[in-house]
Amino acid sequence: MSRVALKSAREIEAMRRAGALVAETFRVLEPYVKPGVTLAELDRIAEEHIRKHGATPAYLGYGPKNNPFPATICASVNEVICHGIPGPRELKEGDIVGVDIGVLLNGVYGDACYTYTVGTVSPEVQGLVDTTRQSLAAGLEVVKPGNRTGDIGHAIQSLAEARGYGVVREYTGHGIGRRLHEEPTIYHWGARYTGLKLQPGMVFTVEPMINLGTPDTRLLADGWTVITADKQPSAQFEHTVVVTPKGHEILTL
């Protein structure tokens, strides 16, 4: 437990502001998520908004020096699970795109992901998106003092797998604060009553990635883009939350 830093009231207030900017950036992007727009254009809009408000894109330049992430947002279309790199690809009717946004504002980070539907999607894909959103809600529902990190994963896994979806194992939620990735690791699968006990002041992300097919993943040659092994669609939703004395508060709502 000593590796998990409990946040001060001042840090939590700063993270509220960072989280609010993340949420606002999603609202700014939403009207532009439509057939014909390129992922690069969404990236440009997000970066302009983030910088206009005195923040820095958290992902731009993140990672190893020999292969840093080259964009402001992660834009993951259809079979892309996470870490999709924005480029000239145009969205088309029936696509889904998971947009992951991170900001650094006044020394602290905010981080969230939202899966947009582009126009009208198939009922099968809409079911995936709805279940992923509901899986995040199920995980957040058990975030309160005395529960454990395994309770979060169990709630997500139970809901998604009961409906026949695959829960990605390799990519997880994480602590967040003055660093983008801190302890604890938040798995989106697992057993109840296991893992770290939740305490007020812990701040972390919950970000289930749910696949229409199997949970298996494949990393592409660019070293970032992760796709489903069976090329079936995947969806993701994410919030940053703080554990409070009576439950939790979503900082990126």
C-alpha atoms as a PDB file:
ATOM      1  CA  MET A   1       0.000   0.000   0.000  1.00  0.00           C
ATOM      2  CA  SER A   2       2.951   2.322   0.570  1.00  0.00           C
ATOM      3  CA  ARG A   3       3.454   2.678  -3.185  1.00  0.00           C
ATOM      4  CA  VAL A   4      -0.018   4.223  -3.652  1.00  0.00           C
ATOM      5  CA  ALA A   5       0.114   7.920  -2.899  1.00  0.00           C
ATOM      6  CA  LEU A   6      -3.045   9.332  -1.323  1.00  0.00           C
ATOM      7  CA  LYS A   7      -3.823  12.718  -2.829  1.00  0.00           C
ATOM      8  CA  SER A   8      -4.192  15.910  -0.796  1.00  0.00           C
ATOM      9  CA  ALA A   9      -7.269  18.119  -1.043  1.00  0.00           C
ATOM     10  CA  ARG A  10      -5.218  20.607  -3.057  1.00  0.00           C
ATOM     11  CA  GLU A  11      -4.103  17.948  -5.536  1.00  0.00           C
ATOM     12  CA  ILE A  12      -7.657  16.644  -5.907  1.00  0.00           C
ATOM     13  CA  GLU A  13      -8.955  20.152  -6.628  1.00  0.00           C
ATOM     14  CA  ALA A  14      -6.262  20.589  -9.296  1.00  0.00           C
ATOM     15  CA  MET A  15      -7.235  17.235 -10.782  1.00  0.00           C
ATOM     16  CA  ARG A  16     -10.877  18.337 -10.908  1.00  0.00           C
ATOM     17  CA  ARG A  17      -9.803  21.203 -13.156  1.00  0.00           C
ATOM     18  CA  ALA A  18      -7.721  18.916 -15.353  1.00  0.00           C
ATOM     19  CA  GLY A  19     -10.592  16.438 -15.549  1.00  0.00           C
ATOM     20  CA  ALA A  20     -13.062  19.184 -16.430  1.00  0.00           C
ATOM     21  CA  LEU A  21     -10.861  20.212 -19.357  1.00  0.00           C
ATOM     22  CA  VAL A  22     -10.776  16.612 -20.593  1.00  0.00           C
ATOM     23  CA  ALA A  23     -14.581  16.432 -20.415  1.00  0.00           C
ATOM     24  CA  GLU A  24     -14.935  19.776 -22.177  1.00  0.00           C
ATOM     25  CA  THR A  25     -12.627  18.611 -24.980  1.00  0.00           C
ATOM     26  CA  PHE A  26     -14.934  15.642 -25.630  1.00  0.00           C
ATOM     27  CA  ARG A  27     -17.882  18.027 -25.922  1.00  0.00           C
ATOM     28  CA  VAL A  28     -15.949  20.199 -28.364  1.00  0.00           C
ATOM     29  CA  LEU A  29     -15.062  17.170 -30.531  1.00  0.00           C
ATOM     30  CA  GLU A  30     -18.527  15.607 -30.623  1.00  0.00           C
ATOM     31  CA  PRO A  31     -20.021  17.710 -33.478  1.00  0.00           C
ATOM     32  CA  TYR A  32     -17.048  16.845 -35.678  1.00  0.00           C
ATOM     33  CA  VAL A  33     -17.326  13.070 -35.267  1.00  0.00           C
ATOM     34  CA  LYS A  34     -19.162  12.338 -38.501  1.00  0.00           C
ATOM     35  CA  PRO A  35     -18.594  10.650 -41.853  1.00  0.00           C
ATOM     36  CA  GLY A  36     -15.819  12.259 -43.893  1.00  0.00           C
ATOM     37  CA  VAL A  37     -13.811  13.783 -41.043  1.00  0.00           C
ATOM     38  CA  THR A  38     -10.236  12.583 -40.691  1.00  0.00           C
ATOM     39  CA  LEU A  39      -8.709  11.398 -37.451  1.00  0.00           C
ATOM     40  CA  ALA A  40      -5.964  13.991 -37.952  1.00  0.00           C
ATOM     41  CA  GLU A  41      -8.605  16.744 -37.972  1.00  0.00           C
ATOM     42  CA  LEU A  42     -10.051  15.506 -34.668  1.00  0.00           C
ATOM     43  CA  ASP A  43      -6.520  15.497 -33.266  1.00  0.00           C
ATOM     44  CA  ARG A  44      -5.932  19.093 -34.391  1.00  0.00           C
ATOM     45  CA  ILE A  45      -9.200  20.312 -32.846  1.00  0.00           C
ATOM     46  CA  ALA A  46      -8.433  18.605 -29.545  1.00  0.00           C
ATOM     47  CA  GLU A  47      -4.881  19.950 -29.371  1.00  0.00           C
ATOM     48  CA  GLU A  48      -5.980  23.514 -30.110  1.00  0.00           C
ATOM     49  CA  HIS A  49      -8.625  23.387 -27.383  1.00  0.00           C
ATOM     50  CA  ILE A  50      -6.280  21.883 -24.790  1.00  0.00           C
ATOM     51  CA  ARG A  51      -3.508  24.402 -25.440  1.00  0.00           C
ATOM     52  CA  LYS A  52      -5.952  27.316 -25.540  1.00  0.00           C
ATOM     53  CA  HIS A  53      -6.816  26.514 -21.931  1.00  0.00           C
ATOM     54  CA  GLY A  54      -3.220  26.503 -20.743  1.00  0.00           C
ATOM     55  CA  ALA A  55      -2.732  22.741 -20.690  1.00  0.00           C
ATOM     56  CA  THR A  56      -0.401  20.346 -22.477  1.00  0.00           C
ATOM     57  CA  PRO A  57      -1.500  17.198 -24.343  1.00  0.00           C
ATOM     58  CA  ALA A  58      -0.448  14.337 -22.075  1.00  0.00           C
ATOM     59  CA  TYR A  59       0.119  11.736 -24.778  1.00  0.00           C
ATOM     60  CA  LEU A  60       2.059  13.812 -27.310  1.00  0.00           C
ATOM     61  CA  GLY A  61       5.657  12.642 -27.011  1.00  0.00           C
ATOM     62  CA  TYR A  62       4.814  10.093 -24.300  1.00  0.00           C
ATOM     63  CA  GLY A  63       6.628   6.770 -24.227  1.00  0.00           C
ATOM     64  CA  PRO A  64      10.073   5.538 -25.225  1.00  0.00           C
ATOM     65  CA  LYS A  65      12.480   8.065 -26.730  1.00  0.00           C
ATOM     66  CA  ASN A  66      12.905   5.959 -29.848  1.00  0.00           C
ATOM     67  CA  ASN A  67       9.137   5.735 -30.475  1.00  0.00           C
ATOM     68  CA  PRO A  68       7.156   8.450 -28.641  1.00  0.00           C
ATOM     69  CA  PHE A  69       3.428   8.727 -29.264  1.00  0.00           C
ATOM     70  CA  PRO A  70       3.051  11.234 -32.103  1.00  0.00           C
ATOM     71  CA  ALA A  71      -0.358  12.798 -31.442  1.00  0.00           C
ATOM     72  CA  THR A  72      -2.622  14.522 -28.908  1.00  0.00           C
ATOM     73  CA  ILE A  73      -5.422  11.950 -28.870  1.00  0.00           C
ATOM     74  CA  CYS A  74      -5.594   8.216 -29.315  1.00  0.00           C
ATOM     75  CA  ALA A  75      -8.193   7.484 -32.005  1.00  0.00           C
ATOM     76  CA  SER A  76      -9.156   3.814 -32.187  1.00  0.00           C
ATOM     77  CA  VAL A  77     -11.555   2.847 -34.989  1.00  0.00           C
ATOM     78  CA  ASN A  78     -13.575  -0.380 -35.088  1.00  0.00           C
ATOM     79  CA  GLU A  79     -11.144  -3.295 -34.477  1.00  0.00           C
ATOM     80  CA  VAL A  80      -8.556  -0.985 -32.902  1.00  0.00           C
ATOM     81  CA  ILE A  81      -8.724  -1.535 -29.141  1.00  0.00           C
ATOM     82  CA  CYS A  82      -6.499   1.323 -27.970  1.00  0.00           C
ATOM     83  CA  HIS A  83      -3.588   3.631 -28.796  1.00  0.00           C
ATOM     84  CA  GLY A  84      -4.685   4.243 -32.382  1.00  0.00           C
ATOM     85  CA  ILE A  85      -2.581   6.967 -34.041  1.00  0.00           C
ATOM     86  CA  PRO A  86      -4.585   9.744 -35.769  1.00  0.00           C
ATOM     87  CA  GLY A  87      -3.825  10.172 -39.454  1.00  0.00           C
ATOM     88  CA  PRO A  88      -5.533  10.666 -42.832  1.00  0.00           C
ATOM     89  CA  ARG A  89      -8.135   7.933 -42.312  1.00  0.00           C
ATOM     90  CA  GLU A  90     -11.679   9.269 -42.781  1.00  0.00           C
ATOM     91  CA  LEU A  91     -14.531   8.132 -40.577  1.00  0.00           C
ATOM     92  CA  LYS A  92     -17.451   6.524 -42.368  1.00  0.00           C
ATOM     93  CA  GLU A  93     -21.074   5.751 -41.537  1.00  0.00           C
ATOM     94  CA  GLY A  94     -21.313   2.821 -39.137  1.00  0.00           C
ATOM     95  CA  ASP A  95     -17.834   3.202 -37.629  1.00  0.00           C
ATOM     96  CA  ILE A  96     -17.100   3.491 -33.957  1.00  0.00           C
ATOM     97  CA  VAL A  97     -14.113   5.454 -32.717  1.00  0.00           C
ATOM     98  CA  GLY A  98     -12.694   5.402 -29.213  1.00  0.00           C
ATOM     99  CA  VAL A  99     -11.108   8.762 -28.444  1.00  0.00           C
ATOM    100  CA  ASP A 100      -8.721   8.817 -25.490  1.00  0.00           C
ATOM    101  CA  ILE A 101      -7.743  12.251 -24.164  1.00  0.00           C
ATOM    102  CA  GLY A 102      -5.128  13.130 -21.556  1.00  0.00           C
ATOM    103  CA  VAL A 103      -4.062  16.583 -20.373  1.00  0.00           C
ATOM    104  CA  LEU A 104      -1.422  17.992 -18.065  1.00  0.00           C
ATOM    105  CA  LEU A 105      -2.708  21.126 -16.322  1.00  0.00           C
ATOM    106  CA  ASN A 106      -0.950  22.881 -13.437  1.00  0.00           C
ATOM    107  CA  GLY A 107       1.213  19.848 -12.712  1.00  0.00           C
ATOM    108  CA  VAL A 108      -1.486  17.169 -12.619  1.00  0.00           C
ATOM    109  CA  TYR A 109      -3.084  14.877 -15.173  1.00  0.00           C
ATOM    110  CA  GLY A 110      -6.613  14.183 -16.352  1.00  0.00           C
ATOM    111  CA  ASP A 111      -7.424  11.123 -18.487  1.00  0.00           C
ATOM    112  CA  ALA A 112     -10.603   9.703 -20.033  1.00  0.00           C
ATOM    113  CA  CYS A 113     -11.906   7.834 -23.081  1.00  0.00           C
ATOM    114  CA  TYR A 114     -15.225   7.929 -24.929  1.00  0.00           C
ATOM    115  CA  THR A 115     -16.396   5.733 -27.791  1.00  0.00           C
ATOM    116  CA  TYR A 116     -18.374   7.681 -30.367  1.00  0.00           C
ATOM    117  CA  THR A 117     -20.710   6.100 -32.899  1.00  0.00           C
ATOM    118  CA  VAL A 118     -20.426   7.566 -36.391  1.00  0.00           C
ATOM    119  CA  GLY A 119     -23.919   7.987 -37.799  1.00  0.00           C
ATOM    120  CA  THR A 120     -26.012   4.839 -37.424  1.00  0.00           C
ATOM    121  CA  VAL A 121     -24.216   1.668 -36.395  1.00  0.00           C
ATOM    122  CA  SER A 122     -25.433  -1.920 -36.551  1.00  0.00           C
ATOM    123  CA  PRO A 123     -27.477  -3.235 -33.609  1.00  0.00           C
ATOM    124  CA  GLU A 124     -24.620  -5.638 -32.840  1.00  0.00           C
ATOM    125  CA  VAL A 125     -22.093  -2.818 -32.575  1.00  0.00           C
ATOM    126  CA  GLN A 126     -24.503  -0.595 -30.639  1.00  0.00           C
ATOM    127  CA  GLY A 127     -24.899  -3.426 -28.136  1.00  0.00           C
ATOM    128  CA  LEU A 128     -21.127  -3.563 -27.722  1.00  0.00           C
ATOM    129  CA  VAL A 129     -20.890   0.188 -27.122  1.00  0.00           C
ATOM    130  CA  ASP A 130     -23.782   0.166 -24.658  1.00  0.00           C
ATOM    131  CA  THR A 131     -22.363  -2.805 -22.744  1.00  0.00           C
ATOM    132  CA  THR A 132     -18.927  -1.182 -22.511  1.00  0.00           C
ATOM    133  CA  ARG A 133     -20.443   2.008 -21.093  1.00  0.00           C
ATOM    134  CA  GLN A 134     -22.491  -0.055 -18.634  1.00  0.00           C
ATOM    135  CA  SER A 135     -19.407  -2.087 -17.687  1.00  0.00           C
ATOM    136  CA  LEU A 136     -17.594   1.101 -16.716  1.00  0.00           C
ATOM    137  CA  ALA A 137     -20.613   2.150 -14.645  1.00  0.00           C
ATOM    138  CA  ALA A 138     -20.674  -1.258 -12.932  1.00  0.00           C
ATOM    139  CA  GLY A 139     -16.996  -0.949 -12.075  1.00  0.00           C
ATOM    140  CA  LEU A 140     -17.396   2.564 -10.718  1.00  0.00           C
ATOM    141  CA  GLU A 141     -20.367   1.537  -8.604  1.00  0.00           C
ATOM    142  CA  VAL A 142     -18.129  -0.513  -6.302  1.00  0.00           C
ATOM    143  CA  VAL A 143     -15.453   2.188  -5.889  1.00  0.00           C
ATOM    144  CA  LYS A 144     -15.717   3.059  -2.193  1.00  0.00           C
ATOM    145  CA  PRO A 145     -13.581   2.724   0.924  1.00  0.00           C
ATOM    146  CA  GLY A 146     -13.159  -0.830   2.137  1.00  0.00           C
ATOM    147  CA  ASN A 147     -13.769  -2.450  -1.219  1.00  0.00           C
ATOM    148  CA  ARG A 148     -10.829  -3.759  -3.209  1.00  0.00           C
ATOM    149  CA  THR A 149      -9.456  -3.295  -6.687  1.00  0.00           C
ATOM    150  CA  GLY A 150     -10.509  -6.855  -7.534  1.00  0.00           C
ATOM    151  CA  ASP A 151     -14.133  -5.900  -6.875  1.00  0.00           C
ATOM    152  CA  ILE A 152     -13.898  -3.389  -9.736  1.00  0.00           C
ATOM    153  CA  GLY A 153     -12.579  -5.961 -12.183  1.00  0.00           C
ATOM    154  CA  HIS A 154     -15.106  -8.562 -11.065  1.00  0.00           C
ATOM    155  CA  ALA A 155     -18.041  -6.190 -11.635  1.00  0.00           C
ATOM    156  CA  ILE A 156     -16.854  -5.324 -15.147  1.00  0.00           C
ATOM    157  CA  GLN A 157     -16.008  -8.877 -16.155  1.00  0.00           C
ATOM    158  CA  SER A 158     -19.252 -10.313 -14.801  1.00  0.00           C
ATOM    159  CA  LEU A 159     -21.439  -7.922 -16.760  1.00  0.00           C
ATOM    160  CA  ALA A 160     -19.553  -8.102 -20.052  1.00  0.00           C
ATOM    161  CA  GLU A 161     -18.929 -11.835 -20.146  1.00  0.00           C
ATOM    162  CA  ALA A 162     -22.522 -12.632 -19.182  1.00  0.00           C
ATOM    163  CA  ARG A 163     -23.485 -10.985 -22.482  1.00  0.00           C
ATOM    164  CA  GLY A 164     -20.901 -12.908 -24.464  1.00  0.00           C
ATOM    165  CA  TYR A 165     -18.252 -10.214 -24.914  1.00  0.00           C
ATOM    166  CA  GLY A 166     -14.498 -10.502 -24.481  1.00  0.00           C
ATOM    167  CA  VAL A 167     -12.760  -8.448 -21.765  1.00  0.00           C
ATOM    168  CA  VAL A 168      -9.252  -7.315 -22.706  1.00  0.00           C
ATOM    169  CA  ARG A 169      -6.698  -8.429 -20.124  1.00  0.00           C
ATOM    170  CA  GLU A 170      -3.394  -6.817 -21.170  1.00  0.00           C
ATOM    171  CA  TYR A 171      -4.370  -3.130 -20.878  1.00  0.00           C
ATOM    172  CA  THR A 172      -5.518  -1.737 -17.562  1.00  0.00           C
ATOM    173  CA  GLY A 173      -6.558   1.259 -15.541  1.00  0.00           C
ATOM    174  CA  HIS A 174      -3.926   2.991 -13.455  1.00  0.00           C
ATOM    175  CA  GLY A 175      -3.224   5.428 -10.694  1.00  0.00           C
ATOM    176  CA  ILE A 176      -2.829   9.007 -11.852  1.00  0.00           C
ATOM    177  CA  GLY A 177      -1.784  12.341 -10.358  1.00  0.00           C
ATOM    178  CA  ARG A 178       1.486  14.167 -10.906  1.00  0.00           C
ATOM    179  CA  ARG A 179       2.416  11.301 -13.208  1.00  0.00           C
ATOM    180  CA  LEU A 180       0.193   9.917 -15.954  1.00  0.00           C
ATOM    181  CA  HIS A 181       0.704   6.335 -14.803  1.00  0.00           C
ATOM    182  CA  GLU A 182       1.103   5.482 -11.111  1.00  0.00           C
ATOM    183  CA  GLU A 183       0.104   2.695  -8.764  1.00  0.00           C
ATOM    184  CA  PRO A 184      -2.336   1.015  -8.399  1.00  0.00           C
ATOM    185  CA  THR A 185      -3.028  -1.098 -11.472  1.00  0.00           C
ATOM    186  CA  ILE A 186      -6.770  -1.504 -12.047  1.00  0.00           C
ATOM    187  CA  TYR A 187      -7.605  -4.758 -13.819  1.00  0.00           C
ATOM    188  CA  HIS A 188     -10.937  -5.027 -15.624  1.00  0.00           C
ATOM    189  CA  TRP A 189     -11.313  -8.663 -14.666  1.00  0.00           C
ATOM    190  CA  GLY A 190     -10.726 -10.578 -11.456  1.00  0.00           C
ATOM    191  CA  ALA A 191     -12.166 -11.910  -8.238  1.00  0.00           C
ATOM    192  CA  ARG A 192     -14.066 -10.120  -5.499  1.00  0.00           C
ATOM    193  CA  TYR A 193     -12.307  -9.408  -2.183  1.00  0.00           C
ATOM    194  CA  THR A 194      -8.863  -9.423  -3.854  1.00  0.00           C
ATOM    195  CA  GLY A 195      -6.338  -6.705  -4.614  1.00  0.00           C
ATOM    196  CA  LEU A 196      -5.614  -3.457  -2.801  1.00  0.00           C
ATOM    197  CA  LYS A 197      -8.116  -2.071  -0.330  1.00  0.00           C
ATOM    198  CA  LEU A 198      -9.541   1.266  -1.500  1.00  0.00           C
ATOM    199  CA  GLN A 199      -8.876   4.307   0.709  1.00  0.00           C
ATOM    200  CA  PRO A 200     -10.061   7.918   0.520  1.00  0.00           C
ATOM    201  CA  GLY A 201      -7.607   9.979  -1.517  1.00  0.00           C
ATOM    202  CA  MET A 202      -6.716   7.234  -4.002  1.00  0.00           C
ATOM    203  CA  VAL A 203      -7.079   8.479  -7.587  1.00  0.00           C
ATOM    204  CA  PHE A 204      -7.086   6.135 -10.568  1.00  0.00           C
ATOM    205  CA  THR A 205      -8.668   5.418 -13.933  1.00  0.00           C
ATOM    206  CA  VAL A 206     -11.173   2.703 -14.741  1.00  0.00           C
ATOM    207  CA  GLU A 207     -11.171   2.055 -18.496  1.00  0.00           C
ATOM    208  CA  PRO A 208     -12.601  -1.279 -19.665  1.00  0.00           C
ATOM    209  CA  MET A 209     -11.877  -2.361 -23.236  1.00  0.00           C
ATOM    210  CA  ILE A 210     -14.571  -4.784 -24.379  1.00  0.00           C
ATOM    211  CA  ASN A 211     -14.445  -6.804 -27.603  1.00  0.00           C
ATOM    212  CA  LEU A 212     -17.305  -8.106 -29.704  1.00  0.00           C
ATOM    213  CA  GLY A 213     -15.363 -11.355 -30.131  1.00  0.00           C
ATOM    214  CA  THR A 214     -12.546 -12.907 -28.147  1.00  0.00           C
ATOM    215  CA  PRO A 215     -10.436 -10.907 -25.660  1.00  0.00           C
ATOM    216  CA  ASP A 216      -7.250 -11.626 -27.624  1.00  0.00           C
ATOM    217  CA  THR A 217      -5.136  -8.693 -28.822  1.00  0.00           C
ATOM    218  CA  ARG A 218      -2.373  -7.955 -31.335  1.00  0.00           C
ATOM    219  CA  LEU A 219       0.144  -5.098 -31.344  1.00  0.00           C
ATOM    220  CA  LEU A 220       0.847  -3.624 -34.783  1.00  0.00           C
ATOM    221  CA  ALA A 221       4.294  -2.845 -36.162  1.00  0.00           C
ATOM    222  CA  ASP A 222       4.073   0.859 -35.208  1.00  0.00           C
ATOM    223  CA  GLY A 223       4.571  -0.215 -31.581  1.00  0.00           C
ATOM    224  CA  TRP A 224       1.391   1.535 -30.400  1.00  0.00           C
ATOM    225  CA  THR A 225      -1.773   0.424 -32.184  1.00  0.00           C
ATOM    226  CA  VAL A 226      -3.497  -2.539 -30.528  1.00  0.00           C
ATOM    227  CA  ILE A 227      -6.178  -4.422 -32.461  1.00  0.00           C
ATOM    228  CA  THR A 228      -8.441  -7.383 -31.771  1.00  0.00           C
ATOM    229  CA  ALA A 229      -6.836 -10.635 -32.896  1.00  0.00           C
ATOM    230  CA  ASP A 230     -10.063 -11.659 -34.675  1.00  0.00           C
ATOM    231  CA  LYS A 231     -10.616  -8.173 -36.235  1.00  0.00           C
ATOM    232  CA  GLN A 232     -13.970  -7.802 -34.475  1.00  0.00           C
ATOM    233  CA  PRO A 233     -14.895  -4.339 -33.136  1.00  0.00           C
ATOM    234  CA  SER A 234     -13.824  -3.130 -29.696  1.00  0.00           C
ATOM    235  CA  ALA A 235     -15.100  -0.279 -27.513  1.00  0.00           C
ATOM    236  CA  GLN A 236     -13.704   1.584 -24.510  1.00  0.00           C
ATOM    237  CA  PHE A 237     -14.947   4.061 -21.921  1.00  0.00           C
ATOM    238  CA  GLU A 238     -12.800   5.576 -19.184  1.00  0.00           C
ATOM    239  CA  HIS A 239     -13.076   7.982 -16.257  1.00  0.00           C
ATOM    240  CA  THR A 240     -10.626   9.249 -13.672  1.00  0.00           C
ATOM    241  CA  VAL A 241     -12.053   8.833 -10.151  1.00  0.00           C
ATOM    242  CA  VAL A 242     -11.085   9.697  -6.605  1.00  0.00           C
ATOM    243  CA  VAL A 243     -12.121   7.551  -3.655  1.00  0.00           C
ATOM    244  CA  THR A 244     -14.018   9.708  -1.146  1.00  0.00           C
ATOM    245  CA  PRO A 245     -14.971   8.922   2.477  1.00  0.00           C
ATOM    246  CA  LYS A 246     -18.466   7.824   1.363  1.00  0.00           C
ATOM    247  CA  GLY A 247     -17.811   6.515  -2.130  1.00  0.00           C
ATOM    248  CA  HIS A 248     -16.178   8.129  -5.134  1.00  0.00           C
ATOM    249  CA  GLU A 249     -16.190  11.224  -7.311  1.00  0.00           C
ATOM    250  CA  ILE A 250     -15.718  11.158 -11.075  1.00  0.00           C
ATOM    251  CA  LEU A 251     -13.183  13.834 -11.985  1.00  0.00           C
ATOM    252  CA  THR A 252     -13.694  13.640 -15.779  1.00  0.00           C
ATOM    253  CA  LEU A 253     -17.489  13.771 -15.936  1.00  0.00           C
END
